[in-house]
């Protein structure tokens, strides 16, 4: 049991980073729009590709201002 608690505490910052990146990107998708693909597809990529999806959106999918 102690082993599980220690591992959970080690992974907690990664979960927080993943959640905050996903929420930030979903907010940007809904509010500002996207450059290519569709909004629902980008939201799906952000949610299901974990850390890769938000980074991919920020590099390729953001609408230029």
Foldseek 3Di string as FASTA:
>chain_A
DVVVVVVCVVCVVVVVVQVVLLVVQLVQCVPVNWDDDHSVVLNVQSVPVGPVSSVCCVVHIGDDD
